[in-house]
Amino acid sequence: EMLARARAKLSGIEGILFERADFMDSHTPAGAELIIAVRSFEYFEDKAAALAKMRSLLAPGGRIVIITKNPRLFTSTPAQGKRLHSGQVTPEELARLCTDADLAVLARFPAVVRWKAKYPPARFFFESFQRIALATHGRIKAPTYAVESYAYIIAHA
């Protein structure tokens, strides 16, 4: 159903490949201008191999956007979070993986700033912080413990 919805929504744009497959086993042709991985990178067993495959598919001047969970997010249920998202990588780990794959992290900024607060003023504060961080393209930094997910812009090194 998700592919059908995406096709319908983006039907007027040429050059988009929609494929239901295991990324590592897919036969996607090389030359992609944009590769987007939203909340999926932490589930690759071999992250180095996943980045190498992304790099092999990327056109010169192309970009990879990875949005992934922040393992340093403060949560009141850390055990549950770690079981569900055991493959999370820190910004430093992702930068090293990119360097090893001959890729470079061009930018990193908060994709989701949130602290699961029960009180409306606290929720308002973090929602406001997210808007400011996004509007300034990450120049105004959100506290690391409140960033649920980071967005990384990656390109050939």
N, C-alpha and C. Protein backbone atom coordinates (compact mmCIF):
# COMPACT_ATOMS: atom_id res chain seq x y z
N GLU A 1 0.82 -1.20 0.00
CA GLU A 1 0.00 0.00 0.00
C GLU A 1 0.87 1.27 0.00
N MET A 2 2.00 1.24 0.72
CA MET A 2 2.85 2.43 0.78
C MET A 2 3.43 2.77 -0.59
N LEU A 3 3.83 1.77 -1.37
CA LEU A 3 4.34 2.05 -2.71
C LEU A 3 3.26 2.64 -3.59
N ALA A 4 2.06 2.13 -3.50
CA ALA A 4 0.96 2.67 -4.30
C ALA A 4 0.68 4.12 -3.93
N ARG A 5 0.71 4.43 -2.65
CA ARG A 5 0.49 5.80 -2.21
C ARG A 5 1.61 6.72 -2.70
N ALA A 6 2.85 6.25 -2.62
CA ALA A 6 3.98 7.06 -3.09
C ALA A 6 3.90 7.28 -4.59
N ARG A 7 3.58 6.24 -5.35
CA ARG A 7 3.44 6.39 -6.81
C ARG A 7 2.36 7.41 -7.15
N ALA A 8 1.24 7.33 -6.46
CA ALA A 8 0.14 8.25 -6.73
C ALA A 8 0.53 9.70 -6.39
N LYS A 9 1.20 9.87 -5.29
CA LYS A 9 1.57 11.21 -4.84
C LYS A 9 2.65 11.84 -5.72
N LEU A 10 3.55 11.02 -6.25
CA LEU A 10 4.70 11.53 -7.00
C LEU A 10 4.62 11.20 -8.49
N SER A 11 3.43 10.91 -8.98
CA SER A 11 3.28 10.45 -10.36
C SER A 11 3.73 11.47 -11.41
N GLY A 12 3.73 12.74 -11.09
CA GLY A 12 4.12 13.76 -12.05
C GLY A 12 5.61 13.99 -12.16
N ILE A 13 6.40 13.30 -11.36
CA ILE A 13 7.84 13.50 -11.35
C ILE A 13 8.52 12.33 -12.06
N GLU A 14 9.33 12.65 -13.05
CA GLU A 14 10.02 11.61 -13.81
C GLU A 14 11.30 11.17 -13.10
N GLY A 15 11.73 9.95 -13.39
CA GLY A 15 13.01 9.48 -12.92
C GLY A 15 13.02 8.91 -11.51
N ILE A 16 11.85 8.66 -10.93
CA ILE A 16 11.81 8.07 -9.59
C ILE A 16 11.57 6.57 -9.74
N LEU A 17 12.42 5.79 -9.08
CA LEU A 17 12.29 4.35 -9.10
C LEU A 17 11.64 3.91 -7.79
N PHE A 18 10.52 3.20 -7.91
CA PHE A 18 9.85 2.63 -6.74
C PHE A 18 10.11 1.13 -6.77
N GLU A 19 10.64 0.60 -5.68
CA GLU A 19 11.00 -0.81 -5.66
C GLU A 19 10.75 -1.37 -4.27
N ARG A 20 10.10 -2.51 -4.22
CA ARG A 20 9.93 -3.21 -2.95
C ARG A 20 10.95 -4.35 -2.94
N ALA A 21 11.98 -4.19 -2.15
CA ALA A 21 13.05 -5.18 -2.13
C ALA A 21 13.91 -4.98 -0.90
N ASP A 22 14.68 -5.99 -0.58
CA ASP A 22 15.72 -5.85 0.42
C ASP A 22 16.79 -5.00 -0.26
N PHE A 23 17.13 -3.88 0.33
CA PHE A 23 18.07 -2.95 -0.31
C PHE A 23 19.37 -3.64 -0.70
N MET A 24 19.89 -4.46 0.16
CA MET A 24 21.17 -5.09 -0.10
C MET A 24 21.10 -6.10 -1.25
N ASP A 25 19.91 -6.61 -1.55
CA ASP A 25 19.73 -7.57 -2.65
C ASP A 25 19.12 -6.93 -3.89
N SER A 26 18.81 -5.64 -3.84
CA SER A 26 18.13 -5.01 -4.97
C SER A 26 19.08 -4.82 -6.15
N HIS A 27 18.52 -4.68 -7.30
CA HIS A 27 19.29 -4.48 -8.53
C HIS A 27 19.03 -3.09 -9.09
N THR A 28 19.00 -2.12 -8.22
CA THR A 28 18.78 -0.73 -8.60
C THR A 28 19.94 -0.27 -9.48
N PRO A 29 19.64 0.40 -10.59
CA PRO A 29 20.73 0.89 -11.44
C PRO A 29 21.49 2.04 -10.78
N ALA A 30 22.78 2.14 -11.10
CA ALA A 30 23.61 3.22 -10.56
C ALA A 30 23.20 4.55 -11.20
N GLY A 31 23.66 5.64 -10.59
CA GLY A 31 23.39 6.97 -11.14
C GLY A 31 22.32 7.75 -10.40
N ALA A 32 22.03 7.37 -9.16
CA ALA A 32 21.00 8.06 -8.38
C ALA A 32 21.51 9.44 -7.94
N GLU A 33 20.68 10.44 -8.14
CA GLU A 33 21.02 11.79 -7.67
C GLU A 33 20.71 11.96 -6.19
N LEU A 34 19.77 11.16 -5.70
CA LEU A 34 19.37 11.27 -4.29
C LEU A 34 18.97 9.89 -3.78
N ILE A 35 19.55 9.51 -2.66
CA ILE A 35 19.19 8.27 -1.96
C ILE A 35 18.74 8.70 -0.57
N ILE A 36 17.54 8.27 -0.18
CA ILE A 36 16.99 8.65 1.11
C ILE A 36 16.74 7.40 1.94
N ALA A 37 17.26 7.39 3.17
CA ALA A 37 17.03 6.29 4.11
C ALA A 37 16.48 6.91 5.39
N VAL A 38 15.18 6.75 5.60
CA VAL A 38 14.53 7.33 6.77
C VAL A 38 14.25 6.25 7.79
N ARG A 39 14.89 6.39 8.93
CA ARG A 39 14.71 5.49 10.07
C ARG A 39 14.87 4.03 9.68
N SER A 40 15.84 3.77 8.80
CA SER A 40 16.11 2.40 8.39
C SER A 40 17.57 2.02 8.58
N PHE A 41 18.46 3.00 8.62
CA PHE A 41 19.89 2.70 8.69
C PHE A 41 20.25 1.88 9.92
N GLU A 42 19.59 2.14 11.03
CA GLU A 42 19.93 1.40 12.25
C GLU A 42 19.59 -0.08 12.16
N TYR A 43 18.82 -0.49 11.15
CA TYR A 43 18.44 -1.89 11.02
C TYR A 43 19.33 -2.68 10.07
N PHE A 44 20.25 -2.03 9.38
CA PHE A 44 21.20 -2.76 8.55
C PHE A 44 22.16 -3.52 9.46
N GLU A 45 22.30 -4.82 9.24
CA GLU A 45 23.25 -5.59 10.04
C GLU A 45 24.67 -5.16 9.75
N ASP A 46 24.99 -4.94 8.48
CA ASP A 46 26.33 -4.54 8.07
C ASP A 46 26.24 -3.11 7.52
N LYS A 47 26.43 -2.16 8.40
CA LYS A 47 26.28 -0.75 8.02
C LYS A 47 27.34 -0.31 7.02
N ALA A 48 28.54 -0.85 7.14
CA ALA A 48 29.60 -0.52 6.18
C ALA A 48 29.21 -0.98 4.78
N ALA A 49 28.67 -2.18 4.68
CA ALA A 49 28.24 -2.69 3.38
C ALA A 49 27.08 -1.87 2.82
N ALA A 50 26.17 -1.44 3.69
CA ALA A 50 25.04 -0.61 3.24
C ALA A 50 25.53 0.72 2.67
N LEU A 51 26.48 1.35 3.36
CA LEU A 51 27.03 2.62 2.85
C LEU A 51 27.80 2.40 1.56
N ALA A 52 28.55 1.30 1.46
CA ALA A 52 29.28 1.00 0.23
C ALA A 52 28.31 0.82 -0.93
N LYS A 53 27.18 0.15 -0.68
CA LYS A 53 26.19 -0.03 -1.74
C LYS A 53 25.58 1.31 -2.12
N MET A 54 25.24 2.15 -1.14
CA MET A 54 24.70 3.47 -1.44
C MET A 54 25.68 4.26 -2.30
N ARG A 55 26.96 4.22 -1.91
CA ARG A 55 27.98 4.95 -2.66
C ARG A 55 28.06 4.45 -4.10
N SER A 56 27.95 3.13 -4.30
CA SER A 56 28.04 2.56 -5.64
C SER A 56 26.86 2.98 -6.52
N LEU A 57 25.74 3.31 -5.90
CA LEU A 57 24.54 3.72 -6.65
C LEU A 57 24.47 5.22 -6.89
N LEU A 58 25.29 5.99 -6.17
CA LEU A 58 25.21 7.45 -6.19
C LEU A 58 25.92 8.04 -7.41
N ALA A 59 25.24 8.94 -8.09
CA ALA A 59 25.83 9.66 -9.22
C ALA A 59 26.83 10.68 -8.71
N PRO A 60 27.82 11.06 -9.52
CA PRO A 60 28.72 12.15 -9.12
C PRO A 60 27.88 13.40 -8.80
N GLY A 61 28.17 14.03 -7.67
CA GLY A 61 27.41 15.20 -7.25
C GLY A 61 26.10 14.86 -6.55
N GLY A 62 25.77 13.57 -6.44
CA GLY A 62 24.55 13.14 -5.78
C GLY A 62 24.66 13.23 -4.27
N ARG A 63 23.54 13.05 -3.61
CA ARG A 63 23.50 13.14 -2.15
C ARG A 63 22.77 11.94 -1.56
N ILE A 64 23.20 11.58 -0.37
CA ILE A 64 22.52 10.58 0.44
C ILE A 64 21.98 11.31 1.66
N VAL A 65 20.72 11.08 1.99
CA VAL A 65 20.13 11.64 3.20
C VAL A 65 19.77 10.46 4.10
N ILE A 66 20.36 10.44 5.26
CA ILE A 66 20.06 9.39 6.25
C ILE A 66 19.46 10.07 7.47
N ILE A 67 18.27 9.63 7.83
CA ILE A 67 17.64 10.09 9.07
C ILE A 67 17.61 8.87 9.98
N THR A 68 18.27 8.99 11.13
CA THR A 68 18.40 7.83 12.01
C THR A 68 18.31 8.25 13.47
N LYS A 69 17.92 7.31 14.29
CA LYS A 69 17.74 7.56 15.72
C LYS A 69 19.05 7.96 16.40
N ASN A 70 18.92 8.75 17.43
CA ASN A 70 20.05 9.19 18.24
C ASN A 70 20.17 8.28 19.46
N PRO A 71 21.27 7.53 19.59
CA PRO A 71 21.40 6.64 20.74
C PRO A 71 21.57 7.39 22.06
N ARG A 72 21.81 8.70 22.00
CA ARG A 72 22.01 9.48 23.23
C ARG A 72 20.72 10.17 23.71
N LEU A 73 19.60 9.87 23.05
CA LEU A 73 18.32 10.46 23.46
C LEU A 73 18.00 10.03 24.88
N PHE A 74 17.64 11.01 25.71
CA PHE A 74 17.21 10.71 27.07
C PHE A 74 15.83 10.09 26.99
N THR A 75 15.64 8.96 27.64
CA THR A 75 14.34 8.33 27.67
C THR A 75 14.12 7.70 29.04
N SER A 76 12.88 7.65 29.42
CA SER A 76 12.56 7.04 30.71
C SER A 76 12.50 5.52 30.60
N THR A 77 12.56 4.99 29.38
CA THR A 77 12.53 3.54 29.18
C THR A 77 13.73 3.11 28.34
N PRO A 78 14.95 3.28 28.86
CA PRO A 78 16.13 2.98 28.06
C PRO A 78 16.24 1.52 27.63
N ALA A 79 15.80 0.59 28.46
CA ALA A 79 15.92 -0.82 28.08
C ALA A 79 15.06 -1.12 26.85
N GLN A 80 13.84 -0.63 26.83
CA GLN A 80 12.96 -0.86 25.70
C GLN A 80 13.53 -0.23 24.44
N GLY A 81 14.00 1.00 24.56
CA GLY A 81 14.56 1.70 23.41
C GLY A 81 15.74 0.98 22.82
N LYS A 82 16.60 0.42 23.65
CA LYS A 82 17.77 -0.28 23.16
C LYS A 82 17.41 -1.62 22.52
N ARG A 83 16.38 -2.29 23.01
CA ARG A 83 15.96 -3.55 22.37
C ARG A 83 15.38 -3.28 20.99
N LEU A 84 14.58 -2.23 20.88
CA LEU A 84 13.93 -1.93 19.61
C LEU A 84 14.89 -1.33 18.59
N HIS A 85 15.86 -0.59 19.06
CA HIS A 85 16.77 0.12 18.16
C HIS A 85 18.22 -0.19 18.51
N SER A 86 18.56 -1.46 18.57
CA SER A 86 19.89 -1.85 19.02
C SER A 86 20.99 -1.49 18.03
N GLY A 87 20.64 -1.16 16.79
CA GLY A 87 21.65 -0.83 15.79
C GLY A 87 21.93 0.64 15.63
N GLN A 88 21.51 1.45 16.58
CA GLN A 88 21.73 2.89 16.48
C GLN A 88 23.22 3.21 16.44
N VAL A 89 23.57 4.26 15.70
CA VAL A 89 24.97 4.70 15.63
C VAL A 89 25.07 6.14 16.10
N THR A 90 26.17 6.44 16.75
CA THR A 90 26.41 7.82 17.17
C THR A 90 26.84 8.64 15.95
N PRO A 91 26.78 9.96 16.04
CA PRO A 91 27.28 10.79 14.94
C PRO A 91 28.74 10.48 14.60
N GLU A 92 29.54 10.21 15.61
CA GLU A 92 30.94 9.90 15.38
C GLU A 92 31.11 8.57 14.64
N GLU A 93 30.30 7.57 15.02
CA GLU A 93 30.37 6.28 14.34
C GLU A 93 29.95 6.40 12.88
N LEU A 94 28.87 7.17 12.62
CA LEU A 94 28.42 7.33 11.24
C LEU A 94 29.46 8.08 10.42
N ALA A 95 30.10 9.08 11.00
CA ALA A 95 31.15 9.82 10.29
C ALA A 95 32.31 8.88 9.94
N ARG A 96 32.70 8.01 10.87
CA ARG A 96 33.78 7.06 10.60
C ARG A 96 33.39 6.07 9.51
N LEU A 97 32.15 5.56 9.59
CA LEU A 97 31.67 4.64 8.56
C LEU A 97 31.68 5.31 7.18
N CYS A 98 31.28 6.58 7.15
CA CYS A 98 31.28 7.31 5.88
C CYS A 98 32.70 7.48 5.36
N THR A 99 33.62 7.86 6.22
CA THR A 99 35.03 8.02 5.81
C THR A 99 35.56 6.71 5.25
N ASP A 100 35.26 5.61 5.91
CA ASP A 100 35.72 4.29 5.45
C ASP A 100 35.13 3.93 4.10
N ALA A 101 33.93 4.46 3.78
CA ALA A 101 33.27 4.18 2.50
C ALA A 101 33.59 5.24 1.45
N ASP A 102 34.55 6.11 1.74
CA ASP A 102 34.93 7.21 0.83
C ASP A 102 33.75 8.16 0.60
N LEU A 103 33.04 8.41 1.68
CA LEU A 103 31.92 9.36 1.69
C LEU A 103 32.23 10.44 2.73
N ALA A 104 31.54 11.55 2.64
CA ALA A 104 31.73 12.63 3.60
C ALA A 104 30.37 13.12 4.11
N VAL A 105 30.28 13.35 5.42
CA VAL A 105 29.09 13.95 6.00
C VAL A 105 29.19 15.45 5.78
N LEU A 106 28.32 16.00 4.95
CA LEU A 106 28.34 17.43 4.65
C LEU A 106 27.63 18.24 5.73
N ALA A 107 26.60 17.66 6.31
CA ALA A 107 25.83 18.38 7.34
C ALA A 107 25.11 17.37 8.22
N ARG A 108 24.88 17.77 9.45
CA ARG A 108 24.07 16.99 10.39
C ARG A 108 23.22 17.97 11.17
N PHE A 109 21.93 17.70 11.23
CA PHE A 109 21.07 18.56 12.03
C PHE A 109 19.92 17.74 12.59
N PRO A 110 19.29 18.24 13.66
CA PRO A 110 18.20 17.49 14.27
C PRO A 110 17.01 17.36 13.31
N ALA A 111 16.56 16.13 13.12
CA ALA A 111 15.36 15.90 12.33
C ALA A 111 14.13 15.93 13.24
N VAL A 112 14.29 15.40 14.44
CA VAL A 112 13.21 15.40 15.43
C VAL A 112 13.81 15.76 16.78
N VAL A 113 13.33 16.86 17.35
CA VAL A 113 13.73 17.26 18.70
C VAL A 113 12.53 17.00 19.59
N ARG A 114 12.72 16.11 20.55
CA ARG A 114 11.58 15.75 21.39
C ARG A 114 12.07 15.14 22.68
N TRP A 115 11.38 15.46 23.69
CA TRP A 115 11.56 14.77 24.95
C TRP A 115 10.17 14.38 25.37
N LYS A 116 9.94 13.12 25.60
CA LYS A 116 8.60 12.63 25.89
C LYS A 116 8.14 13.12 27.26
N ALA A 117 7.81 14.38 27.30
CA ALA A 117 7.40 15.01 28.54
C ALA A 117 5.89 14.91 28.70
N LYS A 118 5.46 14.72 29.93
CA LYS A 118 4.03 14.64 30.21
C LYS A 118 3.39 16.02 30.32
N TYR A 119 4.22 17.03 30.52
CA TYR A 119 3.68 18.35 30.81
C TYR A 119 3.68 19.22 29.56
N PRO A 120 2.54 19.85 29.24
CA PRO A 120 2.44 20.66 28.03
C PRO A 120 3.53 21.73 27.88
N PRO A 121 3.94 22.44 28.95
CA PRO A 121 5.00 23.45 28.74
C PRO A 121 6.31 22.83 28.26
N ALA A 122 6.64 21.65 28.75
CA ALA A 122 7.88 20.99 28.31
C ALA A 122 7.76 20.55 26.86
N ARG A 123 6.61 20.01 26.47
CA ARG A 123 6.40 19.62 25.07
C ARG A 123 6.49 20.85 24.17
N PHE A 124 5.89 21.95 24.58
CA PHE A 124 5.94 23.19 23.80
C PHE A 124 7.38 23.65 23.62
N PHE A 125 8.17 23.59 24.69
CA PHE A 125 9.57 24.00 24.62
C PHE A 125 10.32 23.18 23.57
N PHE A 126 10.20 21.86 23.61
CA PHE A 126 10.95 21.02 22.68
C PHE A 126 10.42 21.13 21.26
N GLU A 127 9.11 21.28 21.09
CA GLU A 127 8.57 21.49 19.75
C GLU A 127 9.09 22.81 19.17
N SER A 128 9.16 23.84 19.99
CA SER A 128 9.70 25.13 19.55
C SER A 128 11.17 25.00 19.18
N PHE A 129 11.92 24.28 20.00
CA PHE A 129 13.34 24.09 19.73
C PHE A 129 13.54 23.38 18.39
N GLN A 130 12.68 22.40 18.09
CA GLN A 130 12.80 21.70 16.81
C GLN A 130 12.58 22.68 15.66
N ARG A 131 11.57 23.51 15.76
CA ARG A 131 11.29 24.48 14.69
C ARG A 131 12.48 25.41 14.48
N ILE A 132 13.07 25.88 15.56
CA ILE A 132 14.23 26.78 15.47
C ILE A 132 15.42 26.06 14.85
N ALA A 133 15.69 24.83 15.31
CA ALA A 133 16.83 24.07 14.77
C ALA A 133 16.66 23.82 13.28
N LEU A 134 15.45 23.48 12.85
CA LEU A 134 15.23 23.23 11.43
C LEU A 134 15.30 24.52 10.62
N ALA A 135 14.74 25.59 11.14
CA ALA A 135 14.73 26.87 10.42
C ALA A 135 16.14 27.42 10.25
N THR A 136 17.04 27.10 11.16
CA THR A 136 18.42 27.61 11.08
C THR A 136 19.36 26.56 10.49
N HIS A 137 18.79 25.46 9.94
CA HIS A 137 19.59 24.39 9.34
C HIS A 137 20.65 23.86 10.30
N GLY A 138 20.28 23.78 11.56
CA GLY A 138 21.16 23.20 12.57
C GLY A 138 22.19 24.15 13.15
N ARG A 139 22.19 25.42 12.72
CA ARG A 139 23.18 26.35 13.28
C ARG A 139 22.91 26.60 14.76
N ILE A 140 21.64 26.60 15.14
CA ILE A 140 21.30 26.65 16.56
C ILE A 140 21.09 25.21 16.99
N LYS A 141 21.92 24.76 17.88
CA LYS A 141 21.96 23.35 18.25
C LYS A 141 20.95 23.03 19.35
N ALA A 142 20.30 21.91 19.17
CA ALA A 142 19.41 21.39 20.21
C ALA A 142 20.23 20.56 21.17
N PRO A 143 19.81 20.47 22.43
CA PRO A 143 20.55 19.62 23.38
C PRO A 143 20.54 18.17 22.89
N THR A 144 21.69 17.52 22.90
CA THR A 144 21.83 16.16 22.38
C THR A 144 20.82 15.20 23.00
N TYR A 145 20.57 15.33 24.29
CA TYR A 145 19.66 14.40 24.96
C TYR A 145 18.22 14.55 24.49
N ALA A 146 17.90 15.64 23.78
CA ALA A 146 16.53 15.88 23.33
C ALA A 146 16.35 15.63 21.84
N VAL A 147 17.41 15.26 21.14
CA VAL A 147 17.32 15.00 19.70
C VAL A 147 16.99 13.53 19.51
N GLU A 148 15.77 13.26 19.02
CA GLU A 148 15.35 11.88 18.82
C GLU A 148 16.02 11.28 17.58
N SER A 149 16.10 12.07 16.51
CA SER A 149 16.70 11.60 15.25
C SER A 149 17.51 12.72 14.63
N TYR A 150 18.60 12.34 13.97
CA TYR A 150 19.41 13.28 13.22
C TYR A 150 19.24 13.04 11.72
N ALA A 151 19.34 14.10 10.95
CA ALA A 151 19.39 14.01 9.49
C ALA A 151 20.83 14.28 9.08
N TYR A 152 21.37 13.43 8.25
CA TYR A 152 22.73 13.56 7.74
C TYR A 152 22.65 13.74 6.23
N ILE A 153 23.40 14.72 5.72
CA ILE A 153 23.54 14.90 4.28
C ILE A 153 24.95 14.40 3.94
N ILE A 154 25.01 13.43 3.03
CA ILE A 154 26.26 12.73 2.75
C ILE A 154 26.52 12.77 1.24
N ALA A 155 27.79 12.85 0.86
CA ALA A 155 28.17 12.87 -0.55
C ALA A 155 29.50 12.15 -0.73
N HIS A 156 29.91 11.97 -2.00
CA HIS A 156 31.23 11.41 -2.29
C HIS A 156 32.29 12.28 -1.61
N ALA A 157 33.32 11.65 -1.07
CA ALA A 157 34.40 12.40 -0.41
C ALA A 157 35.26 13.11 -1.45
